[in-house]
C-alpha atoms as a PDB file:
ATOM      1  CA  UNK A   1      14.703  12.414 -61.394  1.00  0.00           C
ATOM      2  CA  UNK A   2      15.221  13.157 -57.548  1.00  0.00           C
ATOM      3  CA  UNK A   3      16.031  10.413 -55.254  1.00  0.00           C
ATOM      4  CA  UNK A   4      13.054   9.059 -53.554  1.00  0.00           C
ATOM      5  CA  UNK A   5      13.029  10.202 -49.821  1.00  0.00           C
ATOM      6  CA  UNK A   6      12.943   7.457 -47.126  1.00  0.00           C
ATOM      7  CA  UNK A   7       9.415   6.433 -46.074  1.00  0.00           C
ATOM      8  CA  UNK A   8       8.451   6.665 -42.416  1.00  0.00           C
ATOM      9  CA  UNK A   9       5.716   4.885 -40.752  1.00  0.00           C
ATOM     10  CA  UNK A  10       3.029   7.107 -39.590  1.00  0.00           C
ATOM     11  CA  UNK A  11       3.100   5.865 -35.920  1.00  0.00           C
ATOM     12  CA  UNK A  12       6.887   6.391 -36.076  1.00  0.00           C
ATOM     13  CA  UNK A  13       6.562   9.706 -37.263  1.00  0.00           C
ATOM     14  CA  UNK A  14       4.295  10.750 -34.579  1.00  0.00           C
ATOM     15  CA  UNK A  15       6.592   9.320 -32.043  1.00  0.00           C
ATOM     16  CA  UNK A  16       9.468  11.346 -33.361  1.00  0.00           C
ATOM     17  CA  UNK A  17       7.512  14.403 -33.406  1.00  0.00           C
ATOM     18  CA  UNK A  18       6.106  14.141 -29.784  1.00  0.00           C
ATOM     19  CA  UNK A  19       8.013  15.865 -27.120  1.00  0.00           C
ATOM     20  CA  UNK A  20       7.663  14.624 -23.716  1.00  0.00           C
ATOM     21  CA  UNK A  21       8.944  17.213 -21.237  1.00  0.00           C
ATOM     22  CA  UNK A  22       7.377  15.088 -18.345  1.00  0.00           C
ATOM     23  CA  UNK A  23       9.843  12.101 -19.075  1.00  0.00           C
ATOM     24  CA  UNK A  24      12.810  14.554 -18.884  1.00  0.00           C
ATOM     25  CA  UNK A  25      11.593  15.881 -15.652  1.00  0.00           C
ATOM     26  CA  UNK A  26      11.027  12.544 -14.130  1.00  0.00           C
ATOM     27  CA  UNK A  27      14.392  11.369 -15.309  1.00  0.00           C
ATOM     28  CA  UNK A  28      16.281  14.477 -13.914  1.00  0.00           C
ATOM     29  CA  UNK A  29      14.335  14.060 -10.544  1.00  0.00           C
ATOM     30  CA  UNK A  30      15.306  10.212 -10.582  1.00  0.00           C
ATOM     31  CA  UNK A  31      18.980  11.017 -10.979  1.00  0.00           C
ATOM     32  CA  UNK A  32      18.949  13.944  -8.264  1.00  0.00           C
ATOM     33  CA  UNK A  33      17.302  11.331  -5.794  1.00  0.00           C
ATOM     34  CA  UNK A  34      19.948   8.635  -6.827  1.00  0.00           C
ATOM     35  CA  UNK A  35      22.555  11.037  -6.036  1.00  0.00           C
ATOM     36  CA  UNK A  36      20.977  12.138  -2.935  1.00  0.00           C
ATOM     37  CA  UNK A  37      20.633   8.628  -1.405  1.00  0.00           C
ATOM     38  CA  UNK A  38      24.157   7.684  -2.525  1.00  0.00           C
ATOM     39  CA  UNK A  39      25.444  10.773  -0.709  1.00  0.00           C
ATOM     40  CA  UNK A  40      23.467  10.169   2.306  1.00  0.00           C
ATOM     41  CA  UNK A  41      24.703   6.477   2.701  1.00  0.00           C
ATOM     42  CA  UNK A  42      28.262   7.541   1.837  1.00  0.00           C
ATOM     43  CA  UNK A  43      28.216  10.315   4.751  1.00  0.00           C
ATOM     44  CA  UNK A  44      26.260   8.192   7.080  1.00  0.00           C
ATOM     45  CA  UNK A  45      27.862   6.412  10.106  1.00  0.00           C
ATOM     46  CA  UNK A  46      26.937   2.911   8.835  1.00  0.00           C
ATOM     47  CA  UNK A  47      29.392  -0.032   9.525  1.00  0.00           C
ATOM     48  CA  UNK A  48      29.338  -1.745   6.334  1.00  0.00           C
ATOM     49  CA  UNK A  49      31.444  -4.618   7.583  1.00  0.00           C
ATOM     50  CA  UNK A  50      28.729  -5.700   9.920  1.00  0.00           C
ATOM     51  CA  UNK A  51      26.307  -5.550   7.074  1.00  0.00           C
ATOM     52  CA  UNK A  52      28.446  -7.886   4.901  1.00  0.00           C
ATOM     53  CA  UNK A  53      29.168 -10.132   7.863  1.00  0.00           C
ATOM     54  CA  UNK A  54      25.355 -10.668   8.533  1.00  0.00           C
ATOM     55  CA  UNK A  55      24.199 -10.621   5.004  1.00  0.00           C
ATOM     56  CA  UNK A  56      24.778 -14.286   4.249  1.00  0.00           C
ATOM     57  CA  UNK A  57      25.204 -15.377   8.124  1.00  0.00           C
ATOM     58  CA  UNK A  58      23.412 -18.648   8.847  1.00  0.00           C
ATOM     59  CA  UNK A  59      21.147 -16.987  11.363  1.00  0.00           C
ATOM     60  CA  UNK A  60      20.035 -14.503   8.691  1.00  0.00           C
ATOM     61  CA  UNK A  61      19.286 -17.382   6.183  1.00  0.00           C
ATOM     62  CA  UNK A  62      17.292 -19.173   8.816  1.00  0.00           C
ATOM     63  CA  UNK A  63      15.119 -16.280   9.561  1.00  0.00           C
ATOM     64  CA  UNK A  64      14.568 -15.632   5.835  1.00  0.00           C
ATOM     65  CA  UNK A  65      13.559 -19.353   5.373  1.00  0.00           C
ATOM     66  CA  UNK A  66      11.044 -18.978   8.275  1.00  0.00           C
ATOM     67  CA  UNK A  67       9.748 -15.833   6.515  1.00  0.00           C
ATOM     68  CA  UNK A  68       9.261 -17.630   3.121  1.00  0.00           C
ATOM     69  CA  UNK A  69       7.480 -20.657   4.960  1.00  0.00           C
ATOM     70  CA  UNK A  70       5.253 -18.414   6.843  1.00  0.00           C
ATOM     71  CA  UNK A  71       4.290 -16.615   3.572  1.00  0.00           C
ATOM     72  CA  UNK A  72       3.647 -19.906   1.894  1.00  0.00           C
ATOM     73  CA  UNK A  73       1.435 -21.336   4.765  1.00  0.00           C
ATOM     74  CA  UNK A  74      -0.471 -18.204   5.211  1.00  0.00           C
ATOM     75  CA  UNK A  75      -1.202 -17.693   1.559  1.00  0.00           C
ATOM     76  CA  UNK A  76      -2.397 -21.277   1.410  1.00  0.00           C
ATOM     77  CA  UNK A  77      -4.810 -20.730   4.172  1.00  0.00           C
ATOM     78  CA  UNK A  78      -5.828 -17.315   2.708  1.00  0.00           C
ATOM     79  CA  UNK A  79      -6.514 -18.676  -0.806  1.00  0.00           C
ATOM     80  CA  UNK A  80      -8.521 -21.592   0.442  1.00  0.00           C
ATOM     81  CA  UNK A  81     -10.742 -19.156   2.555  1.00  0.00           C
ATOM     82  CA  UNK A  82     -10.854 -16.728  -0.234  1.00  0.00           C
ATOM     83  CA  UNK A  83     -12.026 -19.275  -2.988  1.00  0.00           C
ATOM     84  CA  UNK A  84     -14.814 -20.548  -0.549  1.00  0.00           C
ATOM     85  CA  UNK A  85     -15.967 -16.922   0.296  1.00  0.00           C
ATOM     86  CA  UNK A  86     -15.943 -15.934  -3.534  1.00  0.00           C
ATOM     87  CA  UNK A  87     -18.003 -18.947  -4.279  1.00  0.00           C
ATOM     88  CA  UNK A  88     -20.309 -18.388  -1.345  1.00  0.00           C
ATOM     89  CA  UNK A  89     -20.939 -14.691  -2.506  1.00  0.00           C
ATOM     90  CA  UNK A  90     -22.467 -16.211  -5.612  1.00  0.00           C
ATOM     91  CA  UNK A  91     -24.659 -18.753  -3.792  1.00  0.00           C
ATOM     92  CA  UNK A  92     -28.455 -18.689  -4.144  1.00  0.00           C
ATOM     93  CA  UNK A  93     -28.626 -19.354  -0.355  1.00  0.00           C
ATOM     94  CA  UNK A  94     -28.983 -15.997   1.387  1.00  0.00           C
ATOM     95  CA  UNK A  95     -27.816 -17.513   4.817  1.00  0.00           C
ATOM     96  CA  UNK A  96     -24.395 -18.448   2.824  1.00  0.00           C
ATOM     97  CA  UNK A  97     -24.142 -14.993   1.369  1.00  0.00           C
ATOM     98  CA  UNK A  98     -24.784 -13.502   4.700  1.00  0.00           C
ATOM     99  CA  UNK A  99     -22.119 -15.729   6.507  1.00  0.00           C
ATOM    100  CA  UNK A 100     -19.423 -14.569   3.715  1.00  0.00           C
ATOM    101  CA  UNK A 101     -20.350 -10.921   3.974  1.00  0.00           C
ATOM    102  CA  UNK A 102     -20.091 -11.131   7.902  1.00  0.00           C
ATOM    103  CA  UNK A 103     -16.540 -12.707   7.640  1.00  0.00           C
ATOM    104  CA  UNK A 104     -15.292 -10.189   5.350  1.00  0.00           C
ATOM    105  CA  UNK A 105     -16.720  -7.340   7.407  1.00  0.00           C
ATOM    106  CA  UNK A 106     -15.242  -8.679  10.638  1.00  0.00           C
ATOM    107  CA  UNK A 107     -11.639  -9.304   9.258  1.00  0.00           C
ATOM    108  CA  UNK A 108     -11.359  -6.355   7.147  1.00  0.00           C
ATOM    109  CA  UNK A 109     -12.695  -4.156  10.062  1.00  0.00           C
ATOM    110  CA  UNK A 110     -10.135  -4.897  12.600  1.00  0.00           C
ATOM    111  CA  UNK A 111      -6.382  -4.441  12.459  1.00  0.00           C
ATOM    112  CA  UNK A 112      -4.239  -7.334  11.338  1.00  0.00           C
ATOM    113  CA  UNK A 113      -1.876  -7.173  14.445  1.00  0.00           C
ATOM    114  CA  UNK A 114      -4.888  -7.288  16.708  1.00  0.00           C
ATOM    115  CA  UNK A 115      -6.015 -10.370  15.157  1.00  0.00           C
ATOM    116  CA  UNK A 116      -2.591 -12.007  15.555  1.00  0.00           C
ATOM    117  CA  UNK A 117      -2.538 -11.040  19.240  1.00  0.00           C
ATOM    118  CA  UNK A 118      -6.024 -12.492  19.756  1.00  0.00           C
ATOM    119  CA  UNK A 119      -5.085 -15.876  18.193  1.00  0.00           C
ATOM    120  CA  UNK A 120      -1.894 -15.922  20.229  1.00  0.00           C
ATOM    121  CA  UNK A 121      -3.738 -15.342  23.413  1.00  0.00           C
ATOM    122  CA  UNK A 122      -6.773 -17.639  22.713  1.00  0.00           C
ATOM    123  CA  UNK A 123      -5.671 -19.814  25.584  1.00  0.00           C
ATOM    124  CA  UNK A 124      -6.901 -17.065  28.111  1.00  0.00           C
ATOM    125  CA  UNK A 125     -10.478 -17.537  26.671  1.00  0.00           C
ATOM    126  CA  UNK A 126     -10.448 -21.285  25.781  1.00  0.00           C
ATOM    127  CA  UNK A 127      -7.807 -22.962  27.827  1.00  0.00           C
ATOM    128  CA  UNK A 128      -8.892 -26.445  26.447  1.00  0.00           C
ATOM    129  CA  UNK A 129     -10.073 -27.270  22.929  1.00  0.00           C
ATOM    130  CA  UNK A 130     -11.413 -30.700  22.015  1.00  0.00           C
ATOM    131  CA  UNK A 131     -13.788 -32.569  19.931  1.00  0.00           C
ATOM    132  CA  UNK A 132     -16.198 -35.424  21.155  1.00  0.00           C
ATOM    133  CA  UNK A 133     -14.587 -38.774  20.473  1.00  0.00           C
ATOM    134  CA  UNK A 134     -11.294 -37.318  19.420  1.00  0.00           C
ATOM    135  CA  UNK A 135      -9.912 -35.873  22.750  1.00  0.00           C
ATOM    136  CA  UNK A 136      -8.880 -32.624  24.118  1.00  0.00           C
ATOM    137  CA  UNK A 137      -5.665 -30.512  24.180  1.00  0.00           C
ATOM    138  CA  UNK A 138      -4.337 -27.447  25.939  1.00  0.00           C
ATOM    139  CA  UNK A 139      -4.751 -24.370  23.748  1.00  0.00           C
ATOM    140  CA  UNK A 140      -1.476 -23.030  24.718  1.00  0.00           C
ATOM    141  CA  UNK A 141       0.183 -26.172  23.286  1.00  0.00           C
ATOM    142  CA  UNK A 142      -1.527 -25.770  19.979  1.00  0.00           C
ATOM    143  CA  UNK A 143      -1.602 -22.061  19.454  1.00  0.00           C
ATOM    144  CA  UNK A 144       2.228 -21.272  19.396  1.00  0.00           C
ATOM    145  CA  UNK A 145       3.762 -18.541  17.691  1.00  0.00           C
ATOM    146  CA  UNK A 146       3.744 -20.154  14.226  1.00  0.00           C
ATOM    147  CA  UNK A 147       0.252 -21.341  14.387  1.00  0.00           C
ATOM    148  CA  UNK A 148      -1.061 -17.935  15.679  1.00  0.00           C
ATOM    149  CA  UNK A 149       0.814 -15.895  12.976  1.00  0.00           C
ATOM    150  CA  UNK A 150      -0.105 -18.286  10.050  1.00  0.00           C
ATOM    151  CA  UNK A 151      -3.787 -18.347  11.213  1.00  0.00           C
ATOM    152  CA  UNK A 152      -4.114 -14.897  11.791  1.00  0.00           C
ATOM    153  CA  UNK A 153      -2.237 -13.636   8.633  1.00  0.00           C
ATOM    154  CA  UNK A 154      -4.109 -16.314   6.549  1.00  0.00           C
ATOM    155  CA  UNK A 155      -7.538 -15.599   7.664  1.00  0.00           C
ATOM    156  CA  UNK A 156      -7.161 -11.859   7.316  1.00  0.00           C
ATOM    157  CA  UNK A 157      -5.746 -12.205   3.703  1.00  0.00           C
ATOM    158  CA  UNK A 158      -8.523 -14.459   2.951  1.00  0.00           C
ATOM    159  CA  UNK A 159     -11.051 -11.677   3.472  1.00  0.00           C
ATOM    160  CA  UNK A 160      -9.192  -9.255   1.058  1.00  0.00           C
ATOM    161  CA  UNK A 161      -8.405 -11.921  -1.567  1.00  0.00           C
ATOM    162  CA  UNK A 162     -11.988 -12.930  -1.594  1.00  0.00           C
ATOM    163  CA  UNK A 163     -12.942  -9.789  -3.171  1.00  0.00           C
ATOM    164  CA  UNK A 164     -10.225 -10.087  -5.817  1.00  0.00           C
ATOM    165  CA  UNK A 165     -11.497 -13.604  -6.904  1.00  0.00           C
ATOM    166  CA  UNK A 166     -15.044 -12.613  -6.787  1.00  0.00           C
ATOM    167  CA  UNK A 167     -14.211  -9.580  -9.215  1.00  0.00           C
ATOM    168  CA  UNK A 168     -12.513 -12.005 -11.417  1.00  0.00           C
ATOM    169  CA  UNK A 169     -15.465 -14.284 -11.400  1.00  0.00           C
ATOM    170  CA  UNK A 170     -17.808 -11.323 -12.242  1.00  0.00           C
ATOM    171  CA  UNK A 171     -15.454 -10.297 -15.096  1.00  0.00           C
ATOM    172  CA  UNK A 172     -16.428 -13.556 -17.054  1.00  0.00           C
ATOM    173  CA  UNK A 173     -19.545 -13.115 -19.284  1.00  0.00           C
ATOM    174  CA  UNK A 174     -22.834 -14.820 -17.891  1.00  0.00           C
ATOM    175  CA  UNK A 175     -23.088 -16.404 -21.217  1.00  0.00           C
ATOM    176  CA  UNK A 176     -20.293 -18.744 -20.259  1.00  0.00           C
ATOM    177  CA  UNK A 177     -22.298 -20.001 -17.267  1.00  0.00           C
ATOM    178  CA  UNK A 178     -25.473 -20.638 -19.476  1.00  0.00           C
ATOM    179  CA  UNK A 179     -23.459 -22.483 -22.193  1.00  0.00           C
ATOM    180  CA  UNK A 180     -21.895 -24.850 -19.567  1.00  0.00           C
ATOM    181  CA  UNK A 181     -25.245 -25.327 -17.910  1.00  0.00           C
ATOM    182  CA  UNK A 182     -26.780 -26.248 -21.401  1.00  0.00           C
ATOM    183  CA  UNK A 183     -24.364 -29.030 -21.829  1.00  0.00           C
ATOM    184  CA  UNK A 184     -24.919 -30.467 -18.524  1.00  0.00           C
ATOM    185  CA  UNK A 185     -22.028 -29.200 -16.559  1.00  0.00           C
ATOM    186  CA  UNK A 186     -22.353 -28.886 -12.806  1.00  0.00           C
ATOM    187  CA  UNK A 187     -21.618 -25.774 -11.016  1.00  0.00           C
ATOM    188  CA  UNK A 188     -18.295 -27.160  -9.613  1.00  0.00           C
ATOM    189  CA  UNK A 189     -17.129 -28.312 -12.854  1.00  0.00           C
ATOM    190  CA  UNK A 190     -18.250 -24.988 -14.498  1.00  0.00           C
ATOM    191  CA  UNK A 191     -16.143 -23.102 -12.196  1.00  0.00           C
ATOM    192  CA  UNK A 192     -13.095 -25.419 -12.525  1.00  0.00           C
ATOM    193  CA  UNK A 193     -13.126 -25.965 -16.338  1.00  0.00           C
ATOM    194  CA  UNK A 194     -14.781 -22.840 -17.600  1.00  0.00           C
ATOM    195  CA  UNK A 195     -14.945 -19.762 -15.292  1.00  0.00           C
ATOM    196  CA  UNK A 196     -11.658 -19.941 -13.296  1.00  0.00           C
ATOM    197  CA  UNK A 197      -9.300 -20.368 -16.250  1.00  0.00           C
ATOM    198  CA  UNK A 198     -10.799 -17.303 -17.871  1.00  0.00           C
ATOM    199  CA  UNK A 199     -11.031 -15.104 -14.476  1.00  0.00           C
ATOM    200  CA  UNK A 200      -7.241 -15.773 -13.798  1.00  0.00           C
ATOM    201  CA  UNK A 201      -6.341 -12.985 -16.246  1.00  0.00           C
ATOM    202  CA  UNK A 202      -8.213 -10.540 -13.948  1.00  0.00           C
ATOM    203  CA  UNK A 203      -7.172 -12.238 -10.631  1.00  0.00           C
ATOM    204  CA  UNK A 204      -3.434 -12.646 -10.990  1.00  0.00           C
ATOM    205  CA  UNK A 205      -2.232  -9.083 -10.994  1.00  0.00           C
ATOM    206  CA  UNK A 206      -3.844  -8.035  -7.673  1.00  0.00           C
ATOM    207  CA  UNK A 207      -3.275 -11.566  -6.168  1.00  0.00           C
ATOM    208  CA  UNK A 208       0.347 -11.109  -6.882  1.00  0.00           C
ATOM    209  CA  UNK A 209       0.257  -8.024  -4.969  1.00  0.00           C
ATOM    210  CA  UNK A 210      -1.317  -9.728  -2.067  1.00  0.00           C
ATOM    211  CA  UNK A 211       1.501 -12.392  -2.323  1.00  0.00           C
ATOM    212  CA  UNK A 212       4.157  -9.675  -2.244  1.00  0.00           C
ATOM    213  CA  UNK A 213       2.291  -7.885   0.624  1.00  0.00           C
ATOM    214  CA  UNK A 214       1.991 -11.049   2.601  1.00  0.00           C
ATOM    215  CA  UNK A 215       5.860 -11.586   2.439  1.00  0.00           C
ATOM    216  CA  UNK A 216       6.093  -8.281   4.057  1.00  0.00           C
ATOM    217  CA  UNK A 217       3.483  -8.477   6.594  1.00  0.00           C
ATOM    218  CA  UNK A 218       4.998 -11.736   8.068  1.00  0.00           C
ATOM    219  CA  UNK A 219       7.123  -9.169  10.013  1.00  0.00           C
ATOM    220  CA  UNK A 220       4.118  -8.708  12.095  1.00  0.00           C
ATOM    221  CA  UNK A 221       4.642 -12.336  13.294  1.00  0.00           C
ATOM    222  CA  UNK A 222       7.603 -10.947  15.342  1.00  0.00           C
ATOM    223  CA  UNK A 223       5.065  -9.492  17.908  1.00  0.00           C
ATOM    224  CA  UNK A 224       4.129 -13.011  18.883  1.00  0.00           C
ATOM    225  CA  UNK A 225       7.591 -14.397  19.132  1.00  0.00           C
ATOM    226  CA  UNK A 226       7.908 -16.138  15.747  1.00  0.00           C
ATOM    227  CA  UNK A 227      11.548 -16.214  14.586  1.00  0.00           C
ATOM    228  CA  UNK A 228      11.264 -14.672  11.102  1.00  0.00           C
ATOM    229  CA  UNK A 229      13.556 -12.257   9.515  1.00  0.00           C
ATOM    230  CA  UNK A 230      12.599  -9.084  11.358  1.00  0.00           C
ATOM    231  CA  UNK A 231      12.612 -10.983  14.610  1.00  0.00           C
ATOM    232  CA  UNK A 232      16.116 -12.489  14.059  1.00  0.00           C
ATOM    233  CA  UNK A 233      17.424  -9.048  13.105  1.00  0.00           C
ATOM    234  CA  UNK A 234      15.975  -7.429  16.224  1.00  0.00           C
ATOM    235  CA  UNK A 235      17.636 -10.098  18.317  1.00  0.00           C
ATOM    236  CA  UNK A 236      20.914  -9.380  16.807  1.00  0.00           C
ATOM    237  CA  UNK A 237      20.701  -5.555  17.168  1.00  0.00           C
ATOM    238  CA  UNK A 238      19.566  -5.888  20.804  1.00  0.00           C
ATOM    239  CA  UNK A 239      22.893  -7.696  21.478  1.00  0.00           C
ATOM    240  CA  UNK A 240      25.268  -5.615  19.187  1.00  0.00           C
ATOM    241  CA  UNK A 241      23.322  -2.282  18.989  1.00  0.00           C
ATOM    242  CA  UNK A 242      23.894  -2.113  15.214  1.00  0.00           C
ATOM    243  CA  UNK A 243      20.372  -1.137  14.493  1.00  0.00           C
ATOM    244  CA  UNK A 244      20.703   0.309  10.999  1.00  0.00           C
ATOM    245  CA  UNK A 245      23.033  -2.260   9.831  1.00  0.00           C
ATOM    246  CA  UNK A 246      20.656  -5.132  10.815  1.00  0.00           C
ATOM    247  CA  UNK A 247      17.613  -3.254   9.225  1.00  0.00           C
ATOM    248  CA  UNK A 248      19.619  -2.954   5.905  1.00  0.00           C
ATOM    249  CA  UNK A 249      20.247  -6.743   5.928  1.00  0.00           C
ATOM    250  CA  UNK A 250      16.464  -7.229   6.312  1.00  0.00           C
ATOM    251  CA  UNK A 251      15.537  -4.687   3.783  1.00  0.00           C
ATOM    252  CA  UNK A 252      17.972  -6.218   1.257  1.00  0.00           C
ATOM    253  CA  UNK A 253      16.519  -9.734   1.660  1.00  0.00           C
ATOM    254  CA  UNK A 254      12.849  -8.431   1.407  1.00  0.00           C
ATOM    255  CA  UNK A 255      13.813  -6.624  -1.831  1.00  0.00           C
ATOM    256  CA  UNK A 256      15.349  -9.966  -3.210  1.00  0.00           C
ATOM    257  CA  UNK A 257      12.327 -11.960  -2.298  1.00  0.00           C
ATOM    258  CA  UNK A 258       9.645  -9.454  -3.599  1.00  0.00           C
ATOM    259  CA  UNK A 259      11.739  -8.808  -6.798  1.00  0.00           C
ATOM    260  CA  UNK A 260      11.516 -12.602  -7.546  1.00  0.00           C
ATOM    261  CA  UNK A 261       7.869 -12.729  -6.793  1.00  0.00           C
ATOM    262  CA  UNK A 262       7.204  -9.773  -9.126  1.00  0.00           C
ATOM    263  CA  UNK A 263       9.127 -11.654 -11.995  1.00  0.00           C
ATOM    264  CA  UNK A 264       6.955 -14.655 -11.286  1.00  0.00           C
ATOM    265  CA  UNK A 265       3.773 -12.581 -11.269  1.00  0.00           C
ATOM    266  CA  UNK A 266       4.768 -10.899 -14.663  1.00  0.00           C
ATOM    267  CA  UNK A 267       5.392 -14.436 -16.205  1.00  0.00           C
ATOM    268  CA  UNK A 268       1.881 -15.574 -14.937  1.00  0.00           C
ATOM    269  CA  UNK A 269       0.222 -12.514 -16.436  1.00  0.00           C
ATOM    270  CA  UNK A 270       1.821 -13.253 -19.848  1.00  0.00           C
ATOM    271  CA  UNK A 271       0.565 -16.927 -19.798  1.00  0.00           C
ATOM    272  CA  UNK A 272      -2.894 -16.339 -18.771  1.00  0.00           C
ATOM    273  CA  UNK A 273      -3.200 -13.057 -20.773  1.00  0.00           C
ATOM    274  CA  UNK A 274      -2.507 -14.821 -24.248  1.00  0.00           C
ATOM    275  CA  UNK A 275      -5.462 -14.098 -26.743  1.00  0.00           C
ATOM    276  CA  UNK A 276      -6.422 -10.772 -25.089  1.00  0.00           C
ATOM    277  CA  UNK A 277      -5.640  -7.503 -26.291  1.00  0.00           C
ATOM    278  CA  UNK A 278      -3.387  -5.276 -24.140  1.00  0.00           C
ATOM    279  CA  UNK A 279      -3.786  -1.717 -23.518  1.00  0.00           C
ATOM    280  CA  UNK A 280      -1.570   0.768 -24.694  1.00  0.00           C
ATOM    281  CA  UNK A 281       1.090   2.654 -22.831  1.00  0.00           C
ATOM    282  CA  UNK A 282       0.254   5.916 -21.003  1.00  0.00           C
END
């Protein structure tokens, strides 16, 4: 009696027989590109000793800290605005919906850099701001580089993130709203306890991209004189004329921060994606 042949799973057999020339081509291109980049940096006139000197320098770490701080503050402002806008889009009040649509139209329709400059120069239009019974203040004292950048970046991000949150809310079946209403839950409690936990699966991936994008967009704050990472590196290379070296230091730290955020985003996606079927690989 002949020896029995090893049995193969059907899916495994299909994978064995499948030939993927595109993967081989992409792999070859990736290797060629890596060699090109390595040779380019090896032959370039870059003073690597300057790069290592400033990579962990105190002034660099301070600039990086301000970049992270600006990212967190701007995202807090943006998320607060985005949630209010997303909920307002679903309001039964047409005036509320119109206000939300106008806000999104205005902030998405003008450049982010322009908005930062407008906030920074607000004192030219409103020299003094005040509230009845509370007092008044000079706008130039309130709207410094940090405040102007945080408000400008945050309000702009809120317009974009509102669409992300709104799409997440729309992804939840309407039966969930009706079921919550049937057991006497208020609209606010329904959103907190029922809708948002389910919508997070859809919201987190694009929201994570916005967080990563905000980290890089903080470099725009240098235009109003805020001392984040790019501003610090520019201040240094204006002094020592090592432009490429300082930009490489900036690139390294941006890659570190965005890589950490990407890992955090992946972990959140796994947590909120439990119980849902994932799509197959392409």
